[in-house]
Every structure is written in structure tokens, then in C-alpha cells.
């Protein structure tokens, strides 16, 4: 069973701002679920895939913040 995280928890896990997390969601880099309340949730496994190079959506970012996301490094 998947572990679902709030946007705040997901941003902390990835060590990015929530603004960056929302941008990735809107760009289609990070799948998310919208609850009836309008709040977003993301699966931890999707966050892990984002961190791994060679995975769909993964661009080689690291939890330490050392990787680049996108052509301008943001």
C-alpha cells in the first residue's frame, strides 16, 4: 500500500520549497491526488522516483539538493 504525503511533508522530504513542489506538479513531473477538500497528496514512491536518474520523471535530483531539476537548475 502506498504512503501518501501532504505537500508540506513532500517538500520537506525532497528538501525543496512547496512552491517548487507545486510547480513540478503543474509541469507534470510529479503525479498528485486532489482530495475533496482541494488539498493535494503525493505518493512517497513518486517522490523516490523523482530522485532516481533513469526513472520516469526522475532527473537525478538528490535528497541533499545536489541534483538539477530542469534546464535552468531550478
N, C-alpha and C. Protein backbone atom coordinates (compact mmCIF):
# COMPACT_ATOMS: atom_id res chain seq x y z
N UNK A 1 0.84 -1.18 0.00
CA UNK A 1 0.00 0.00 0.00
C UNK A 1 0.88 1.24 0.00
N UNK A 2 0.50 2.23 -0.76
CA UNK A 2 1.29 3.45 -0.91
C UNK A 2 1.16 4.34 0.32
N UNK A 3 2.26 5.03 0.61
CA UNK A 3 2.25 6.04 1.67
C UNK A 3 2.01 7.39 1.01
N UNK A 4 0.98 8.09 1.46
CA UNK A 4 0.62 9.39 0.90
C UNK A 4 1.13 10.49 1.82
N UNK A 5 1.72 11.53 1.24
CA UNK A 5 2.25 12.65 2.00
C UNK A 5 1.55 13.94 1.62
N UNK A 6 1.48 14.85 2.58
CA UNK A 6 0.96 16.19 2.29
C UNK A 6 2.00 16.94 1.47
N UNK A 7 1.60 18.04 0.90
CA UNK A 7 2.55 18.86 0.13
C UNK A 7 3.68 19.34 1.04
N UNK A 8 3.36 19.70 2.25
CA UNK A 8 4.38 20.16 3.20
C UNK A 8 5.37 19.03 3.50
N UNK A 9 4.86 17.83 3.75
CA UNK A 9 5.74 16.69 4.04
C UNK A 9 6.59 16.33 2.82
N UNK A 10 5.97 16.37 1.64
CA UNK A 10 6.70 16.03 0.41
C UNK A 10 7.82 17.03 0.13
N UNK A 11 7.53 18.31 0.33
CA UNK A 11 8.56 19.34 0.12
C UNK A 11 9.71 19.15 1.10
N UNK A 12 9.40 18.83 2.34
CA UNK A 12 10.45 18.60 3.33
C UNK A 12 11.26 17.36 2.97
N UNK A 13 10.60 16.31 2.49
CA UNK A 13 11.28 15.08 2.10
C UNK A 13 12.27 15.33 0.96
N UNK A 14 11.86 16.15 -0.01
CA UNK A 14 12.70 16.46 -1.16
C UNK A 14 13.67 17.62 -0.89
N UNK A 15 13.48 18.30 0.23
CA UNK A 15 14.28 19.47 0.60
C UNK A 15 14.17 20.58 -0.45
N UNK A 16 12.91 20.84 -0.82
CA UNK A 16 12.59 21.94 -1.73
C UNK A 16 11.45 22.74 -1.10
N UNK A 17 11.16 23.90 -1.66
CA UNK A 17 10.03 24.68 -1.16
C UNK A 17 8.72 24.09 -1.69
N UNK A 18 7.64 24.44 -1.03
CA UNK A 18 6.33 23.99 -1.53
C UNK A 18 6.03 24.62 -2.89
N UNK A 19 6.51 25.81 -3.11
CA UNK A 19 6.32 26.46 -4.40
C UNK A 19 6.94 25.63 -5.52
N UNK A 20 8.17 25.14 -5.28
CA UNK A 20 8.83 24.28 -6.26
C UNK A 20 8.04 23.00 -6.46
N UNK A 21 7.57 22.41 -5.39
CA UNK A 21 6.78 21.18 -5.46
C UNK A 21 5.52 21.39 -6.31
N UNK A 22 4.81 22.48 -6.05
CA UNK A 22 3.60 22.78 -6.83
C UNK A 22 3.93 23.00 -8.30
N UNK A 23 5.05 23.65 -8.59
CA UNK A 23 5.45 23.87 -9.98
C UNK A 23 5.68 22.53 -10.67
N UNK A 24 6.38 21.61 -9.99
CA UNK A 24 6.61 20.29 -10.57
C UNK A 24 5.30 19.56 -10.82
N UNK A 25 4.34 19.73 -9.92
CA UNK A 25 3.02 19.11 -10.11
C UNK A 25 2.36 19.68 -11.37
N UNK A 26 2.38 21.00 -11.49
CA UNK A 26 1.73 21.65 -12.64
C UNK A 26 2.44 21.33 -13.95
N UNK A 27 3.75 21.11 -13.91
CA UNK A 27 4.52 20.76 -15.11
C UNK A 27 4.37 19.29 -15.47
N UNK A 28 3.74 18.50 -14.61
CA UNK A 28 3.54 17.08 -14.88
C UNK A 28 4.71 16.20 -14.44
N UNK A 29 5.67 16.77 -13.75
CA UNK A 29 6.82 15.99 -13.29
C UNK A 29 6.48 15.12 -12.08
N UNK A 30 5.46 15.54 -11.32
CA UNK A 30 5.12 14.83 -10.09
C UNK A 30 3.62 14.57 -10.05
N UNK A 31 3.22 13.30 -10.10
CA UNK A 31 1.79 12.97 -10.01
C UNK A 31 1.25 13.33 -8.64
N UNK A 32 -0.02 13.71 -8.58
CA UNK A 32 -0.63 14.05 -7.30
C UNK A 32 -2.11 13.72 -7.33
N UNK A 33 -2.71 13.68 -6.15
CA UNK A 33 -4.13 13.42 -5.98
C UNK A 33 -4.74 14.62 -5.28
N UNK A 34 -5.87 15.10 -5.78
CA UNK A 34 -6.57 16.21 -5.13
C UNK A 34 -7.72 15.63 -4.32
N UNK A 35 -7.71 15.91 -3.03
CA UNK A 35 -8.77 15.43 -2.15
C UNK A 35 -10.02 16.31 -2.30
N UNK A 36 -11.13 15.87 -1.76
CA UNK A 36 -12.38 16.62 -1.83
C UNK A 36 -12.22 18.02 -1.24
N UNK A 37 -11.34 18.16 -0.27
CA UNK A 37 -11.09 19.45 0.37
C UNK A 37 -10.25 20.38 -0.52
N UNK A 38 -9.71 19.84 -1.64
CA UNK A 38 -8.87 20.62 -2.54
C UNK A 38 -7.39 20.50 -2.22
N UNK A 39 -7.07 19.83 -1.14
CA UNK A 39 -5.67 19.64 -0.77
C UNK A 39 -5.04 18.53 -1.59
N UNK A 40 -3.76 18.67 -1.84
CA UNK A 40 -3.03 17.71 -2.67
C UNK A 40 -2.27 16.72 -1.82
N UNK A 41 -2.17 15.49 -2.35
CA UNK A 41 -1.36 14.45 -1.72
C UNK A 41 -0.50 13.81 -2.80
N UNK A 42 0.69 13.39 -2.41
CA UNK A 42 1.59 12.71 -3.33
C UNK A 42 2.05 11.41 -2.69
N UNK A 43 2.33 10.43 -3.56
CA UNK A 43 2.82 9.15 -3.06
C UNK A 43 4.33 9.23 -2.85
N UNK A 44 4.77 8.64 -1.75
CA UNK A 44 6.20 8.65 -1.44
C UNK A 44 6.99 7.96 -2.56
N UNK A 45 6.44 6.92 -3.14
CA UNK A 45 7.15 6.22 -4.22
C UNK A 45 7.35 7.11 -5.44
N UNK A 46 6.43 8.06 -5.68
CA UNK A 46 6.62 9.01 -6.78
C UNK A 46 7.73 10.01 -6.46
N UNK A 47 7.86 10.36 -5.19
CA UNK A 47 8.96 11.24 -4.78
C UNK A 47 10.29 10.52 -4.96
N UNK A 48 10.33 9.26 -4.57
CA UNK A 48 11.57 8.48 -4.73
C UNK A 48 11.94 8.33 -6.20
N UNK A 49 10.93 8.13 -7.06
CA UNK A 49 11.19 8.00 -8.50
C UNK A 49 11.73 9.31 -9.07
N UNK A 50 11.27 10.43 -8.54
CA UNK A 50 11.75 11.73 -8.99
C UNK A 50 13.23 11.91 -8.68
N UNK A 51 13.69 11.28 -7.62
CA UNK A 51 15.09 11.41 -7.20
C UNK A 51 16.04 10.51 -7.97
N UNK A 52 15.52 9.47 -8.61
CA UNK A 52 16.37 8.48 -9.28
C UNK A 52 16.58 8.81 -10.74
N UNK A 53 17.85 8.89 -11.17
CA UNK A 53 18.10 9.09 -12.60
C UNK A 53 17.66 7.85 -13.38
N UNK A 54 17.14 8.06 -14.57
CA UNK A 54 16.74 6.94 -15.41
C UNK A 54 15.33 6.47 -15.17
N UNK A 55 14.69 6.93 -14.10
CA UNK A 55 13.30 6.56 -13.82
C UNK A 55 12.39 7.55 -14.54
N UNK A 56 11.18 7.13 -14.89
CA UNK A 56 10.24 8.08 -15.48
C UNK A 56 10.02 9.24 -14.52
N UNK A 57 10.28 10.44 -14.97
CA UNK A 57 10.15 11.61 -14.11
C UNK A 57 11.39 11.90 -13.30
N UNK A 58 12.28 10.93 -13.19
CA UNK A 58 13.50 11.12 -12.41
C UNK A 58 14.54 11.87 -13.20
N UNK A 59 15.08 12.90 -12.60
CA UNK A 59 16.06 13.71 -13.31
C UNK A 59 17.38 13.78 -12.55
N UNK A 60 17.55 12.90 -11.58
CA UNK A 60 18.82 12.84 -10.90
C UNK A 60 18.96 13.79 -9.74
N UNK A 61 17.87 14.37 -9.27
CA UNK A 61 17.96 15.20 -8.09
C UNK A 61 18.29 14.32 -6.90
N UNK A 62 18.87 14.89 -5.90
CA UNK A 62 19.15 14.12 -4.69
C UNK A 62 18.42 14.74 -3.53
N UNK A 63 18.18 13.94 -2.50
CA UNK A 63 17.53 14.46 -1.31
C UNK A 63 18.39 15.51 -0.64
N UNK A 64 19.68 15.53 -0.96
CA UNK A 64 20.59 16.51 -0.39
C UNK A 64 20.55 17.82 -1.17
N UNK A 65 19.79 17.84 -2.27
CA UNK A 65 19.66 19.06 -3.05
C UNK A 65 20.79 19.27 -4.03
N UNK A 66 21.59 18.24 -4.28
CA UNK A 66 22.74 18.41 -5.14
C UNK A 66 22.46 18.23 -6.61
N UNK A 67 21.30 17.66 -6.98
CA UNK A 67 20.99 17.44 -8.38
C UNK A 67 20.25 18.60 -8.99
N UNK A 68 20.17 18.58 -10.30
CA UNK A 68 19.45 19.63 -11.00
C UNK A 68 18.10 19.11 -11.46
N UNK A 69 17.14 20.00 -11.44
CA UNK A 69 15.81 19.71 -11.95
C UNK A 69 15.56 20.73 -13.05
N UNK A 70 15.41 20.27 -14.26
CA UNK A 70 15.11 21.17 -15.37
C UNK A 70 16.36 21.82 -15.92
N UNK A 71 16.22 22.45 -17.07
CA UNK A 71 17.36 23.01 -17.78
C UNK A 71 18.02 24.20 -17.06
N UNK A 72 17.26 24.92 -16.25
CA UNK A 72 17.84 26.08 -15.57
C UNK A 72 18.25 25.77 -14.15
N UNK A 73 18.18 24.51 -13.75
CA UNK A 73 18.65 24.09 -12.43
C UNK A 73 17.72 24.42 -11.28
N UNK A 74 16.50 24.87 -11.59
CA UNK A 74 15.57 25.19 -10.51
C UNK A 74 14.69 24.02 -10.18
